[in-house]
Amino acid sequence: MRLFAQLSWYFRREWRRYLGAIALLVIIAVLQLIPPKVVGIVVDGVTQQHYTAEKVWMWIGALVLIAVMVYLLRYVWRVLLFGASYQLAVELREDFYRQLSRQHPAFYLRHRTGDLIARATNDVDRVVFAAGEGVLTLVDSLVMGCAVLIVMSTQISWQLTLLALLPMPLMALAIKRNAMRFTNVFALLRRPFPASTIARRRA
């Protein structure tokens, strides 16, 4: 979350793109809740012999229409969200290059080339991931998770909903442990390797 706070200046500047992408994600989450309900209605109608073939085809057409709408909306939010994140990558790398071009030669004696390259690639990619995939994961998980919980608790069974939520704390702990491992691996990747070490490994 600290990285999101550090990117708040960019979110404020590109608020139209992010607001549009978030609105489309909410609409898609709502649309994705409709097909299971429609399938249940059709199955009940067919088994009870209340539906004719024309009515079944009408519901199938509605499902196809929803699928097309979701496909188009997904394309639009990807353009908005990932377009904004890629624009951030371009700006960060341009700023980083300008900063490097202004440095004195002594700067390059103090900082290894591997560390500078890691900052231009891994660090920027991490920021871009937060501005794109990070926002997507945060919004999609919150919106879709809340929507599914509401539907499950109101239309199926709140007892089953509670049982389904029981493994969540264990999953959260497992995800946190794996995230710490990835953080340690990322820190190792950022370490510059001396030329002698690389030569020994190649030998």
N, C-alpha and C. Protein backbone atom coordinates (compact mmCIF):
# COMPACT_ATOMS: atom_id res chain seq x y z
N MET A 1 0.82 -1.21 0.00
CA MET A 1 0.00 0.00 0.00
C MET A 1 0.86 1.26 0.00
N ARG A 2 2.09 1.15 0.53
CA ARG A 2 2.96 2.32 0.53
C ARG A 2 3.30 2.74 -0.89
N LEU A 3 3.46 1.75 -1.78
CA LEU A 3 3.75 2.08 -3.17
C LEU A 3 2.58 2.79 -3.82
N PHE A 4 1.35 2.40 -3.48
CA PHE A 4 0.18 3.10 -4.01
C PHE A 4 0.17 4.55 -3.54
N ALA A 5 0.56 4.77 -2.28
CA ALA A 5 0.61 6.14 -1.76
C ALA A 5 1.67 6.96 -2.49
N GLN A 6 2.79 6.33 -2.82
CA GLN A 6 3.84 7.04 -3.55
C GLN A 6 3.43 7.35 -4.99
N LEU A 7 2.51 6.57 -5.52
CA LEU A 7 2.02 6.80 -6.89
C LEU A 7 0.77 7.66 -6.92
N SER A 8 0.39 8.22 -5.80
CA SER A 8 -0.85 9.01 -5.75
C SER A 8 -0.81 10.19 -6.71
N TRP A 9 0.38 10.77 -6.93
CA TRP A 9 0.48 11.91 -7.85
C TRP A 9 0.08 11.49 -9.26
N TYR A 10 0.47 10.27 -9.66
CA TYR A 10 0.13 9.81 -11.00
C TYR A 10 -1.34 9.43 -11.09
N PHE A 11 -1.88 8.83 -10.04
CA PHE A 11 -3.30 8.51 -10.03
C PHE A 11 -4.16 9.77 -10.12
N ARG A 12 -3.74 10.83 -9.46
CA ARG A 12 -4.49 12.09 -9.54
C ARG A 12 -4.40 12.69 -10.94
N ARG A 13 -3.24 12.57 -11.55
CA ARG A 13 -3.08 13.15 -12.88
C ARG A 13 -3.86 12.38 -13.94
N GLU A 14 -3.87 11.06 -13.82
CA GLU A 14 -4.57 10.21 -14.79
C GLU A 14 -5.87 9.68 -14.21
N TRP A 15 -6.58 10.48 -13.44
CA TRP A 15 -7.77 10.00 -12.73
C TRP A 15 -8.87 9.59 -13.70
N ARG A 16 -8.94 10.21 -14.87
CA ARG A 16 -9.99 9.84 -15.82
C ARG A 16 -9.81 8.39 -16.29
N ARG A 17 -8.58 8.03 -16.62
CA ARG A 17 -8.33 6.65 -17.07
C ARG A 17 -8.63 5.64 -15.97
N TYR A 18 -8.15 5.93 -14.79
CA TYR A 18 -8.34 4.98 -13.70
C TYR A 18 -9.80 4.91 -13.26
N LEU A 19 -10.47 6.05 -13.22
CA LEU A 19 -11.88 6.03 -12.85
C LEU A 19 -12.70 5.28 -13.89
N GLY A 20 -12.39 5.48 -15.17
CA GLY A 20 -13.09 4.76 -16.23
C GLY A 20 -12.86 3.26 -16.14
N ALA A 21 -11.60 2.87 -15.89
CA ALA A 21 -11.29 1.44 -15.78
C ALA A 21 -11.99 0.81 -14.58
N ILE A 22 -12.01 1.52 -13.44
CA ILE A 22 -12.67 0.99 -12.25
C ILE A 22 -14.17 0.86 -12.47
N ALA A 23 -14.77 1.86 -13.12
CA ALA A 23 -16.21 1.79 -13.40
C ALA A 23 -16.54 0.60 -14.30
N LEU A 24 -15.70 0.36 -15.31
CA LEU A 24 -15.93 -0.78 -16.20
C LEU A 24 -15.75 -2.10 -15.46
N LEU A 25 -14.78 -2.16 -14.55
CA LEU A 25 -14.59 -3.39 -13.77
C LEU A 25 -15.80 -3.68 -12.89
N VAL A 26 -16.40 -2.64 -12.34
CA VAL A 26 -17.61 -2.84 -11.53
C VAL A 26 -18.76 -3.35 -12.40
N ILE A 27 -18.93 -2.75 -13.58
CA ILE A 27 -19.99 -3.19 -14.49
C ILE A 27 -19.78 -4.64 -14.91
N ILE A 28 -18.53 -5.00 -15.22
CA ILE A 28 -18.24 -6.38 -15.62
C ILE A 28 -18.53 -7.35 -14.48
N ALA A 29 -18.17 -6.96 -13.26
CA ALA A 29 -18.45 -7.83 -12.11
C ALA A 29 -19.94 -8.09 -11.95
N VAL A 30 -20.75 -7.06 -12.17
CA VAL A 30 -22.20 -7.24 -12.08
C VAL A 30 -22.70 -8.12 -13.21
N LEU A 31 -22.19 -7.89 -14.43
CA LEU A 31 -22.63 -8.69 -15.57
C LEU A 31 -22.27 -10.16 -15.40
N GLN A 32 -21.13 -10.44 -14.78
CA GLN A 32 -20.70 -11.83 -14.62
C GLN A 32 -21.55 -12.59 -13.60
N LEU A 33 -22.31 -11.88 -12.80
CA LEU A 33 -23.21 -12.55 -11.86
C LEU A 33 -24.52 -12.98 -12.51
N ILE A 34 -24.79 -12.46 -13.71
CA ILE A 34 -26.07 -12.76 -14.36
C ILE A 34 -26.11 -14.16 -14.97
N PRO A 35 -25.08 -14.61 -15.73
CA PRO A 35 -25.16 -15.93 -16.38
C PRO A 35 -25.48 -17.09 -15.44
N PRO A 36 -24.86 -17.21 -14.26
CA PRO A 36 -25.25 -18.34 -13.38
C PRO A 36 -26.73 -18.31 -13.01
N LYS A 37 -27.25 -17.12 -12.76
CA LYS A 37 -28.67 -17.01 -12.43
C LYS A 37 -29.54 -17.41 -13.62
N VAL A 38 -29.15 -16.97 -14.81
CA VAL A 38 -29.91 -17.31 -16.01
C VAL A 38 -29.88 -18.82 -16.25
N VAL A 39 -28.71 -19.43 -16.09
CA VAL A 39 -28.60 -20.88 -16.29
C VAL A 39 -29.51 -21.61 -15.31
N GLY A 40 -29.54 -21.16 -14.05
CA GLY A 40 -30.43 -21.78 -13.08
C GLY A 40 -31.89 -21.66 -13.46
N ILE A 41 -32.28 -20.47 -13.96
CA ILE A 41 -33.67 -20.27 -14.39
C ILE A 41 -34.02 -21.18 -15.56
N VAL A 42 -33.11 -21.28 -16.53
CA VAL A 42 -33.37 -22.11 -17.71
C VAL A 42 -33.47 -23.58 -17.32
N VAL A 43 -32.54 -24.05 -16.47
CA VAL A 43 -32.57 -25.46 -16.06
C VAL A 43 -33.86 -25.78 -15.32
N ASP A 44 -34.26 -24.89 -14.41
CA ASP A 44 -35.51 -25.12 -13.69
C ASP A 44 -36.71 -25.12 -14.64
N GLY A 45 -36.69 -24.20 -15.59
CA GLY A 45 -37.81 -24.13 -16.54
C GLY A 45 -37.90 -25.34 -17.44
N VAL A 46 -36.72 -25.85 -17.87
CA VAL A 46 -36.71 -27.02 -18.76
C VAL A 46 -37.11 -28.27 -17.99
N THR A 47 -36.57 -28.46 -16.78
CA THR A 47 -36.90 -29.66 -16.02
C THR A 47 -38.37 -29.70 -15.61
N GLN A 48 -38.94 -28.54 -15.37
CA GLN A 48 -40.36 -28.47 -15.01
C GLN A 48 -41.27 -28.32 -16.23
N GLN A 49 -40.63 -28.32 -17.43
CA GLN A 49 -41.36 -28.25 -18.71
C GLN A 49 -42.24 -26.99 -18.80
N HIS A 50 -41.70 -25.89 -18.29
CA HIS A 50 -42.41 -24.61 -18.40
C HIS A 50 -41.93 -23.79 -19.59
N TYR A 51 -40.75 -24.14 -20.13
CA TYR A 51 -40.15 -23.35 -21.20
C TYR A 51 -40.29 -24.06 -22.53
N THR A 52 -40.60 -23.29 -23.55
CA THR A 52 -40.58 -23.79 -24.92
C THR A 52 -39.18 -23.61 -25.50
N ALA A 53 -38.98 -24.17 -26.67
CA ALA A 53 -37.67 -24.04 -27.32
C ALA A 53 -37.35 -22.58 -27.63
N GLU A 54 -38.37 -21.82 -28.02
CA GLU A 54 -38.15 -20.41 -28.33
C GLU A 54 -37.67 -19.63 -27.11
N LYS A 55 -38.25 -19.92 -25.96
CA LYS A 55 -37.85 -19.23 -24.75
C LYS A 55 -36.42 -19.61 -24.33
N VAL A 56 -36.07 -20.87 -24.53
CA VAL A 56 -34.70 -21.30 -24.21
C VAL A 56 -33.70 -20.58 -25.10
N TRP A 57 -34.01 -20.50 -26.40
CA TRP A 57 -33.12 -19.79 -27.32
C TRP A 57 -33.04 -18.31 -26.99
N MET A 58 -34.11 -17.76 -26.46
CA MET A 58 -34.08 -16.35 -26.05
C MET A 58 -33.08 -16.14 -24.92
N TRP A 59 -33.09 -17.05 -23.94
CA TRP A 59 -32.14 -16.95 -22.84
C TRP A 59 -30.71 -17.19 -23.32
N ILE A 60 -30.55 -18.12 -24.26
CA ILE A 60 -29.21 -18.36 -24.82
C ILE A 60 -28.70 -17.11 -25.52
N GLY A 61 -29.58 -16.45 -26.26
CA GLY A 61 -29.20 -15.19 -26.91
C GLY A 61 -28.80 -14.13 -25.89
N ALA A 62 -29.51 -14.09 -24.76
CA ALA A 62 -29.16 -13.13 -23.71
C ALA A 62 -27.77 -13.42 -23.15
N LEU A 63 -27.46 -14.71 -22.97
CA LEU A 63 -26.13 -15.08 -22.48
C LEU A 63 -25.04 -14.69 -23.47
N VAL A 64 -25.30 -14.91 -24.76
CA VAL A 64 -24.32 -14.53 -25.78
C VAL A 64 -24.13 -13.02 -25.79
N LEU A 65 -25.21 -12.27 -25.65
CA LEU A 65 -25.12 -10.81 -25.61
C LEU A 65 -24.30 -10.34 -24.42
N ILE A 66 -24.51 -10.96 -23.27
CA ILE A 66 -23.73 -10.60 -22.08
C ILE A 66 -22.25 -10.92 -22.30
N ALA A 67 -21.97 -12.07 -22.92
CA ALA A 67 -20.58 -12.44 -23.18
C ALA A 67 -19.90 -11.43 -24.10
N VAL A 68 -20.60 -10.99 -25.13
CA VAL A 68 -20.04 -10.00 -26.06
C VAL A 68 -19.81 -8.67 -25.34
N MET A 69 -20.75 -8.26 -24.51
CA MET A 69 -20.60 -7.02 -23.76
C MET A 69 -19.40 -7.09 -22.81
N VAL A 70 -19.25 -8.21 -22.12
CA VAL A 70 -18.11 -8.37 -21.21
C VAL A 70 -16.80 -8.32 -21.98
N TYR A 71 -16.77 -8.97 -23.15
CA TYR A 71 -15.55 -8.98 -23.98
C TYR A 71 -15.17 -7.56 -24.39
N LEU A 72 -16.13 -6.79 -24.87
CA LEU A 72 -15.85 -5.42 -25.31
C LEU A 72 -15.43 -4.53 -24.14
N LEU A 73 -16.12 -4.67 -23.01
CA LEU A 73 -15.77 -3.86 -21.85
C LEU A 73 -14.39 -4.22 -21.31
N ARG A 74 -14.05 -5.51 -21.37
CA ARG A 74 -12.71 -5.92 -20.94
C ARG A 74 -11.64 -5.29 -21.83
N TYR A 75 -11.89 -5.22 -23.11
CA TYR A 75 -10.94 -4.59 -24.03
C TYR A 75 -10.75 -3.12 -23.67
N VAL A 76 -11.84 -2.43 -23.39
CA VAL A 76 -11.76 -0.99 -23.10
C VAL A 76 -11.01 -0.74 -21.79
N TRP A 77 -11.33 -1.52 -20.73
CA TRP A 77 -10.64 -1.24 -19.47
C TRP A 77 -9.17 -1.61 -19.54
N ARG A 78 -8.83 -2.61 -20.34
CA ARG A 78 -7.41 -2.93 -20.51
C ARG A 78 -6.67 -1.78 -21.19
N VAL A 79 -7.29 -1.19 -22.20
CA VAL A 79 -6.67 -0.05 -22.88
C VAL A 79 -6.48 1.11 -21.90
N LEU A 80 -7.50 1.37 -21.09
CA LEU A 80 -7.43 2.48 -20.14
C LEU A 80 -6.39 2.22 -19.05
N LEU A 81 -6.50 1.07 -18.41
CA LEU A 81 -5.65 0.80 -17.24
C LEU A 81 -4.21 0.53 -17.63
N PHE A 82 -4.00 -0.42 -18.54
CA PHE A 82 -2.63 -0.76 -18.91
C PHE A 82 -1.99 0.33 -19.77
N GLY A 83 -2.81 1.08 -20.50
CA GLY A 83 -2.26 2.23 -21.22
C GLY A 83 -1.68 3.25 -20.26
N ALA A 84 -2.37 3.48 -19.15
CA ALA A 84 -1.86 4.41 -18.14
C ALA A 84 -0.59 3.88 -17.48
N SER A 85 -0.55 2.58 -17.19
CA SER A 85 0.64 2.02 -16.54
C SER A 85 1.84 2.03 -17.47
N TYR A 86 1.64 1.73 -18.75
CA TYR A 86 2.75 1.76 -19.70
C TYR A 86 3.25 3.18 -19.92
N GLN A 87 2.34 4.14 -19.89
CA GLN A 87 2.76 5.54 -19.99
C GLN A 87 3.63 5.92 -18.80
N LEU A 88 3.29 5.41 -17.63
CA LEU A 88 4.12 5.65 -16.45
C LEU A 88 5.51 5.05 -16.63
N ALA A 89 5.60 3.86 -17.23
CA ALA A 89 6.90 3.23 -17.46
C ALA A 89 7.76 4.09 -18.37
N VAL A 90 7.17 4.62 -19.43
CA VAL A 90 7.91 5.47 -20.36
C VAL A 90 8.44 6.70 -19.63
N GLU A 91 7.60 7.34 -18.84
CA GLU A 91 8.01 8.55 -18.14
C GLU A 91 9.10 8.27 -17.11
N LEU A 92 8.97 7.18 -16.38
CA LEU A 92 9.97 6.85 -15.37
C LEU A 92 11.32 6.55 -16.00
N ARG A 93 11.33 5.80 -17.09
CA ARG A 93 12.60 5.46 -17.73
C ARG A 93 13.23 6.69 -18.39
N GLU A 94 12.41 7.58 -18.94
CA GLU A 94 12.95 8.82 -19.50
C GLU A 94 13.56 9.69 -18.41
N ASP A 95 12.87 9.81 -17.28
CA ASP A 95 13.41 10.59 -16.17
C ASP A 95 14.70 9.97 -15.64
N PHE A 96 14.72 8.64 -15.55
CA PHE A 96 15.92 7.96 -15.05
C PHE A 96 17.09 8.17 -16.00
N TYR A 97 16.84 8.11 -17.31
CA TYR A 97 17.91 8.34 -18.28
C TYR A 97 18.42 9.77 -18.21
N ARG A 98 17.51 10.72 -18.03
CA ARG A 98 17.95 12.12 -17.92
C ARG A 98 18.79 12.32 -16.67
N GLN A 99 18.42 11.66 -15.59
CA GLN A 99 19.22 11.78 -14.37
C GLN A 99 20.61 11.17 -14.57
N LEU A 100 20.68 10.04 -15.25
CA LEU A 100 21.98 9.41 -15.49
C LEU A 100 22.86 10.26 -16.40
N SER A 101 22.25 10.88 -17.40
CA SER A 101 23.03 11.69 -18.35
C SER A 101 23.61 12.94 -17.70
N ARG A 102 23.07 13.35 -16.56
CA ARG A 102 23.58 14.55 -15.88
C ARG A 102 24.66 14.23 -14.85
N GLN A 103 24.90 12.95 -14.59
CA GLN A 103 25.83 12.58 -13.53
C GLN A 103 27.28 12.73 -13.98
N HIS A 104 28.13 12.98 -12.98
CA HIS A 104 29.57 13.08 -13.20
C HIS A 104 30.14 11.67 -13.38
N PRO A 105 31.25 11.53 -14.12
CA PRO A 105 31.85 10.19 -14.29
C PRO A 105 32.15 9.48 -12.97
N ALA A 106 32.42 10.26 -11.91
CA ALA A 106 32.69 9.62 -10.62
C ALA A 106 31.47 8.87 -10.09
N PHE A 107 30.29 9.28 -10.53
CA PHE A 107 29.06 8.61 -10.10
C PHE A 107 29.06 7.16 -10.56
N TYR A 108 29.57 6.91 -11.77
CA TYR A 108 29.57 5.55 -12.32
C TYR A 108 30.67 4.69 -11.72
N LEU A 109 31.63 5.33 -11.04
CA LEU A 109 32.63 4.56 -10.32
C LEU A 109 32.09 4.09 -8.97
N ARG A 110 31.16 4.86 -8.41
CA ARG A 110 30.58 4.50 -7.11
C ARG A 110 29.43 3.51 -7.25
N HIS A 111 28.75 3.53 -8.39
CA HIS A 111 27.58 2.67 -8.58
C HIS A 111 27.86 1.67 -9.70
N ARG A 112 27.64 0.42 -9.40
CA ARG A 112 27.89 -0.63 -10.39
C ARG A 112 26.84 -0.59 -11.50
N THR A 113 27.27 -1.03 -12.67
CA THR A 113 26.37 -1.03 -13.82
C THR A 113 25.18 -1.95 -13.60
N GLY A 114 25.41 -3.09 -12.95
CA GLY A 114 24.31 -4.02 -12.70
C GLY A 114 23.22 -3.43 -11.84
N ASP A 115 23.63 -2.63 -10.85
CA ASP A 115 22.64 -1.99 -9.98
C ASP A 115 21.84 -0.95 -10.74
N LEU A 116 22.49 -0.19 -11.60
CA LEU A 116 21.78 0.83 -12.39
C LEU A 116 20.81 0.18 -13.37
N ILE A 117 21.25 -0.91 -14.00
CA ILE A 117 20.36 -1.61 -14.93
C ILE A 117 19.17 -2.21 -14.19
N ALA A 118 19.41 -2.73 -12.99
CA ALA A 118 18.31 -3.29 -12.21
C ALA A 118 17.29 -2.22 -11.85
N ARG A 119 17.77 -1.03 -11.56
CA ARG A 119 16.83 0.06 -11.24
C ARG A 119 16.03 0.47 -12.47
N ALA A 120 16.65 0.41 -13.65
CA ALA A 120 15.95 0.80 -14.88
C ALA A 120 14.99 -0.27 -15.37
N THR A 121 15.17 -1.49 -14.92
CA THR A 121 14.31 -2.58 -15.40
C THR A 121 13.42 -3.12 -14.27
N ASN A 122 14.04 -3.78 -13.29
CA ASN A 122 13.24 -4.42 -12.24
C ASN A 122 12.44 -3.42 -11.42
N ASP A 123 13.07 -2.32 -11.02
CA ASP A 123 12.37 -1.35 -10.18
C ASP A 123 11.23 -0.69 -10.93
N VAL A 124 11.49 -0.30 -12.17
CA VAL A 124 10.44 0.33 -12.97
C VAL A 124 9.32 -0.66 -13.26
N ASP A 125 9.68 -1.91 -13.57
CA ASP A 125 8.65 -2.92 -13.82
C ASP A 125 7.79 -3.15 -12.58
N ARG A 126 8.40 -3.08 -11.41
CA ARG A 126 7.63 -3.25 -10.18
C ARG A 126 6.62 -2.12 -10.00
N VAL A 127 7.05 -0.90 -10.28
CA VAL A 127 6.15 0.25 -10.16
C VAL A 127 5.02 0.15 -11.18
N VAL A 128 5.37 -0.23 -12.42
CA VAL A 128 4.37 -0.36 -13.47
C VAL A 128 3.38 -1.47 -13.13
N PHE A 129 3.88 -2.56 -12.56
CA PHE A 129 2.98 -3.65 -12.15
C PHE A 129 1.98 -3.16 -11.11
N ALA A 130 2.44 -2.34 -10.17
CA ALA A 130 1.54 -1.80 -9.15
C ALA A 130 0.51 -0.87 -9.77
N ALA A 131 0.93 -0.06 -10.74
CA ALA A 131 0.01 0.90 -11.37
C ALA A 131 -0.97 0.23 -12.32
N GLY A 132 -0.68 -1.00 -12.74
CA GLY A 132 -1.57 -1.70 -13.66
C GLY A 132 -2.21 -2.92 -13.02
N GLU A 133 -1.44 -4.01 -12.93
CA GLU A 133 -1.96 -5.25 -12.36
C GLU A 133 -2.35 -5.09 -10.89
N GLY A 134 -1.60 -4.24 -10.16
CA GLY A 134 -1.93 -4.04 -8.76
C GLY A 134 -3.29 -3.41 -8.56
N VAL A 135 -3.57 -2.37 -9.34
CA VAL A 135 -4.88 -1.73 -9.27
C VAL A 135 -5.98 -2.70 -9.69
N LEU A 136 -5.71 -3.46 -10.76
CA LEU A 136 -6.69 -4.44 -11.24
C LEU A 136 -7.00 -5.47 -10.16
N THR A 137 -5.96 -6.03 -9.54
CA THR A 137 -6.17 -7.04 -8.51
C THR A 137 -6.93 -6.49 -7.32
N LEU A 138 -6.57 -5.28 -6.89
CA LEU A 138 -7.23 -4.67 -5.74
C LEU A 138 -8.71 -4.43 -6.01
N VAL A 139 -9.01 -3.79 -7.14
CA VAL A 139 -10.41 -3.45 -7.44
C VAL A 139 -11.22 -4.71 -7.75
N ASP A 140 -10.66 -5.58 -8.58
CA ASP A 140 -11.40 -6.77 -9.00
C ASP A 140 -11.69 -7.69 -7.82
N SER A 141 -10.71 -7.86 -6.94
CA SER A 141 -10.93 -8.74 -5.79
C SER A 141 -11.96 -8.15 -4.83
N LEU A 142 -11.91 -6.85 -4.61
CA LEU A 142 -12.87 -6.23 -3.69
C LEU A 142 -14.28 -6.26 -4.26
N VAL A 143 -14.42 -5.82 -5.52
CA VAL A 143 -15.75 -5.72 -6.12
C VAL A 143 -16.35 -7.10 -6.32
N MET A 144 -15.59 -7.99 -6.97
CA MET A 144 -16.12 -9.32 -7.25
C MET A 144 -16.32 -10.11 -5.97
N GLY A 145 -15.39 -9.97 -5.03
CA GLY A 145 -15.55 -10.68 -3.77
C GLY A 145 -16.78 -10.26 -3.00
N CYS A 146 -16.99 -8.94 -2.90
CA CYS A 146 -18.19 -8.45 -2.19
C CYS A 146 -19.47 -8.87 -2.91
N ALA A 147 -19.46 -8.80 -4.25
CA ALA A 147 -20.65 -9.18 -5.00
C ALA A 147 -20.99 -10.65 -4.81
N VAL A 148 -19.97 -11.50 -4.87
CA VAL A 148 -20.20 -12.94 -4.70
C VAL A 148 -20.70 -13.25 -3.29
N LEU A 149 -20.10 -12.59 -2.30
CA LEU A 149 -20.54 -12.82 -0.92
C LEU A 149 -21.99 -12.40 -0.71
N ILE A 150 -22.37 -11.27 -1.30
CA ILE A 150 -23.75 -10.80 -1.17
C ILE A 150 -24.72 -11.79 -1.80
N VAL A 151 -24.38 -12.26 -3.01
CA VAL A 151 -25.26 -13.20 -3.71
C VAL A 151 -25.34 -14.53 -2.94
N MET A 152 -24.19 -15.02 -2.48
CA MET A 152 -24.19 -16.30 -1.76
C MET A 152 -24.99 -16.23 -0.47
N SER A 153 -24.82 -15.14 0.28
CA SER A 153 -25.49 -15.04 1.58
C SER A 153 -26.98 -14.76 1.46
N THR A 154 -27.40 -14.08 0.38
CA THR A 154 -28.81 -13.72 0.25
C THR A 154 -29.62 -14.73 -0.56
N GLN A 155 -28.99 -15.37 -1.57
CA GLN A 155 -29.73 -16.24 -2.46
C GLN A 155 -29.43 -17.73 -2.26
N ILE A 156 -28.37 -18.06 -1.57
CA ILE A 156 -28.04 -19.47 -1.36
C ILE A 156 -28.19 -19.82 0.12
N SER A 157 -27.18 -19.47 0.91
CA SER A 157 -27.24 -19.77 2.35
C SER A 157 -26.12 -19.02 3.05
N TRP A 158 -26.47 -18.27 4.08
CA TRP A 158 -25.42 -17.56 4.80
C TRP A 158 -24.56 -18.51 5.62
N GLN A 159 -25.12 -19.68 6.01
CA GLN A 159 -24.31 -20.66 6.72
C GLN A 159 -23.22 -21.23 5.83
N LEU A 160 -23.59 -21.58 4.58
CA LEU A 160 -22.59 -22.07 3.64
C LEU A 160 -21.57 -20.99 3.30
N THR A 161 -22.01 -19.75 3.27
CA THR A 161 -21.08 -18.65 3.01
C THR A 161 -20.04 -18.55 4.10
N LEU A 162 -20.45 -18.68 5.35
CA LEU A 162 -19.50 -18.65 6.47
C LEU A 162 -18.53 -19.82 6.39
N LEU A 163 -19.03 -21.01 6.04
CA LEU A 163 -18.14 -22.17 5.90
C LEU A 163 -17.13 -21.95 4.78
N ALA A 164 -17.57 -21.32 3.70
CA ALA A 164 -16.65 -21.05 2.59
C ALA A 164 -15.57 -20.05 2.97
N LEU A 165 -15.86 -19.18 3.94
CA LEU A 165 -14.90 -18.17 4.36
C LEU A 165 -13.91 -18.68 5.39
N LEU A 166 -14.15 -19.84 5.98
CA LEU A 166 -13.28 -20.35 7.04
C LEU A 166 -11.82 -20.53 6.60
N PRO A 167 -11.54 -21.06 5.37
CA PRO A 167 -10.12 -21.22 4.98
C PRO A 167 -9.42 -19.92 4.62
N MET A 168 -10.13 -18.81 4.55
CA MET A 168 -9.53 -17.56 4.10
C MET A 168 -8.35 -17.10 4.95
N PRO A 169 -8.42 -17.14 6.30
CA PRO A 169 -7.25 -16.72 7.09
C PRO A 169 -6.00 -17.55 6.80
N LEU A 170 -6.17 -18.86 6.63
CA LEU A 170 -5.02 -19.71 6.30
C LEU A 170 -4.45 -19.35 4.94
N MET A 171 -5.33 -19.08 3.99
CA MET A 171 -4.87 -18.68 2.66
C MET A 171 -4.13 -17.35 2.72
N ALA A 172 -4.61 -16.43 3.55
CA ALA A 172 -3.94 -15.13 3.69
C ALA A 172 -2.54 -15.30 4.26
N LEU A 173 -2.38 -16.18 5.26
CA LEU A 173 -1.06 -16.43 5.82
C LEU A 173 -0.12 -17.06 4.80
N ALA A 174 -0.65 -18.01 4.01
CA ALA A 174 0.18 -18.65 2.98
C ALA A 174 0.62 -17.65 1.93
N ILE A 175 -0.29 -16.79 1.52
CA ILE A 175 0.05 -15.77 0.52
C ILE A 175 1.10 -14.81 1.06
N LYS A 176 0.96 -14.44 2.35
CA LYS A 176 1.93 -13.53 2.96
C LYS A 176 3.31 -14.15 3.01
N ARG A 177 3.40 -15.43 3.36
CA ARG A 177 4.69 -16.10 3.41
C ARG A 177 5.33 -16.17 2.02
N ASN A 178 4.54 -16.51 1.01
CA ASN A 178 5.08 -16.55 -0.34
C ASN A 178 5.50 -15.17 -0.82
N ALA A 179 4.75 -14.15 -0.44
CA ALA A 179 5.12 -12.78 -0.83
C ALA A 179 6.46 -12.39 -0.22
N MET A 180 6.71 -12.79 1.03
CA MET A 180 7.99 -12.50 1.66
C MET A 180 9.13 -13.22 0.95
N ARG A 181 8.87 -14.44 0.50
CA ARG A 181 9.91 -15.16 -0.25
C ARG A 181 10.22 -14.46 -1.56
N PHE A 182 9.18 -14.03 -2.27
CA PHE A 182 9.40 -13.31 -3.52
C PHE A 182 10.16 -12.01 -3.27
N THR A 183 9.87 -11.34 -2.16
CA THR A 183 10.58 -10.11 -1.83
C THR A 183 12.07 -10.38 -1.62
N ASN A 184 12.39 -11.47 -0.94
CA ASN A 184 13.79 -11.83 -0.71
C ASN A 184 14.49 -12.16 -2.02
N VAL A 185 13.80 -12.89 -2.90
CA VAL A 185 14.39 -13.21 -4.20
C VAL A 185 14.62 -11.94 -5.01
N PHE A 186 13.67 -11.02 -4.95
CA PHE A 186 13.82 -9.76 -5.67
C PHE A 186 15.01 -8.98 -5.14
N ALA A 187 15.23 -9.00 -3.82
CA ALA A 187 16.37 -8.30 -3.24
C ALA A 187 17.68 -8.92 -3.70
N LEU A 188 17.71 -10.26 -3.83
CA LEU A 188 18.91 -10.92 -4.33
C LEU A 188 19.19 -10.55 -5.78
N LEU A 189 18.14 -10.44 -6.58
CA LEU A 189 18.33 -10.09 -7.99
C LEU A 189 18.89 -8.69 -8.15
N ARG A 190 18.59 -7.81 -7.20
CA ARG A 190 19.06 -6.44 -7.30
C ARG A 190 20.53 -6.30 -6.94
N ARG A 191 21.10 -7.30 -6.29
CA ARG A 191 22.49 -7.20 -5.90
C ARG A 191 23.39 -7.28 -7.13
N PRO A 192 24.31 -6.34 -7.27
CA PRO A 192 25.24 -6.41 -8.41
C PRO A 192 26.25 -7.54 -8.21
N PHE A 193 26.51 -8.28 -9.27
CA PHE A 193 27.46 -9.38 -9.20
C PHE A 193 28.83 -8.89 -9.67
N PRO A 194 29.88 -9.07 -8.87
CA PRO A 194 31.22 -8.69 -9.32
C PRO A 194 31.62 -9.48 -10.55
N ALA A 195 32.49 -8.89 -11.35
CA ALA A 195 32.92 -9.53 -12.59
C ALA A 195 33.63 -10.84 -12.32
N SER A 196 34.43 -10.89 -11.19
CA SER A 196 35.14 -12.13 -10.89
C SER A 196 34.18 -13.27 -10.56
N THR A 197 33.07 -12.94 -9.87
CA THR A 197 32.08 -13.97 -9.54
C THR A 197 31.44 -14.51 -10.79
N ILE A 198 31.08 -13.63 -11.72
CA ILE A 198 30.47 -14.06 -12.97
C ILE A 198 31.43 -14.91 -13.78
N ALA A 199 32.72 -14.52 -13.78
CA ALA A 199 33.71 -15.28 -14.53
C ALA A 199 33.86 -16.68 -13.95
N ARG A 200 33.87 -16.77 -12.60
CA ARG A 200 34.01 -18.09 -11.98
C ARG A 200 32.81 -18.96 -12.29
N ARG A 201 31.60 -18.38 -12.31
CA ARG A 201 30.40 -19.16 -12.59
C ARG A 201 30.40 -19.64 -14.04
N ARG A 202 30.89 -18.81 -14.95
CA ARG A 202 30.94 -19.23 -16.36
C ARG A 202 31.97 -20.33 -16.55
N ALA A 203 33.06 -20.27 -15.77
CA ALA A 203 34.10 -21.29 -15.89
C ALA A 203 33.61 -22.62 -15.32
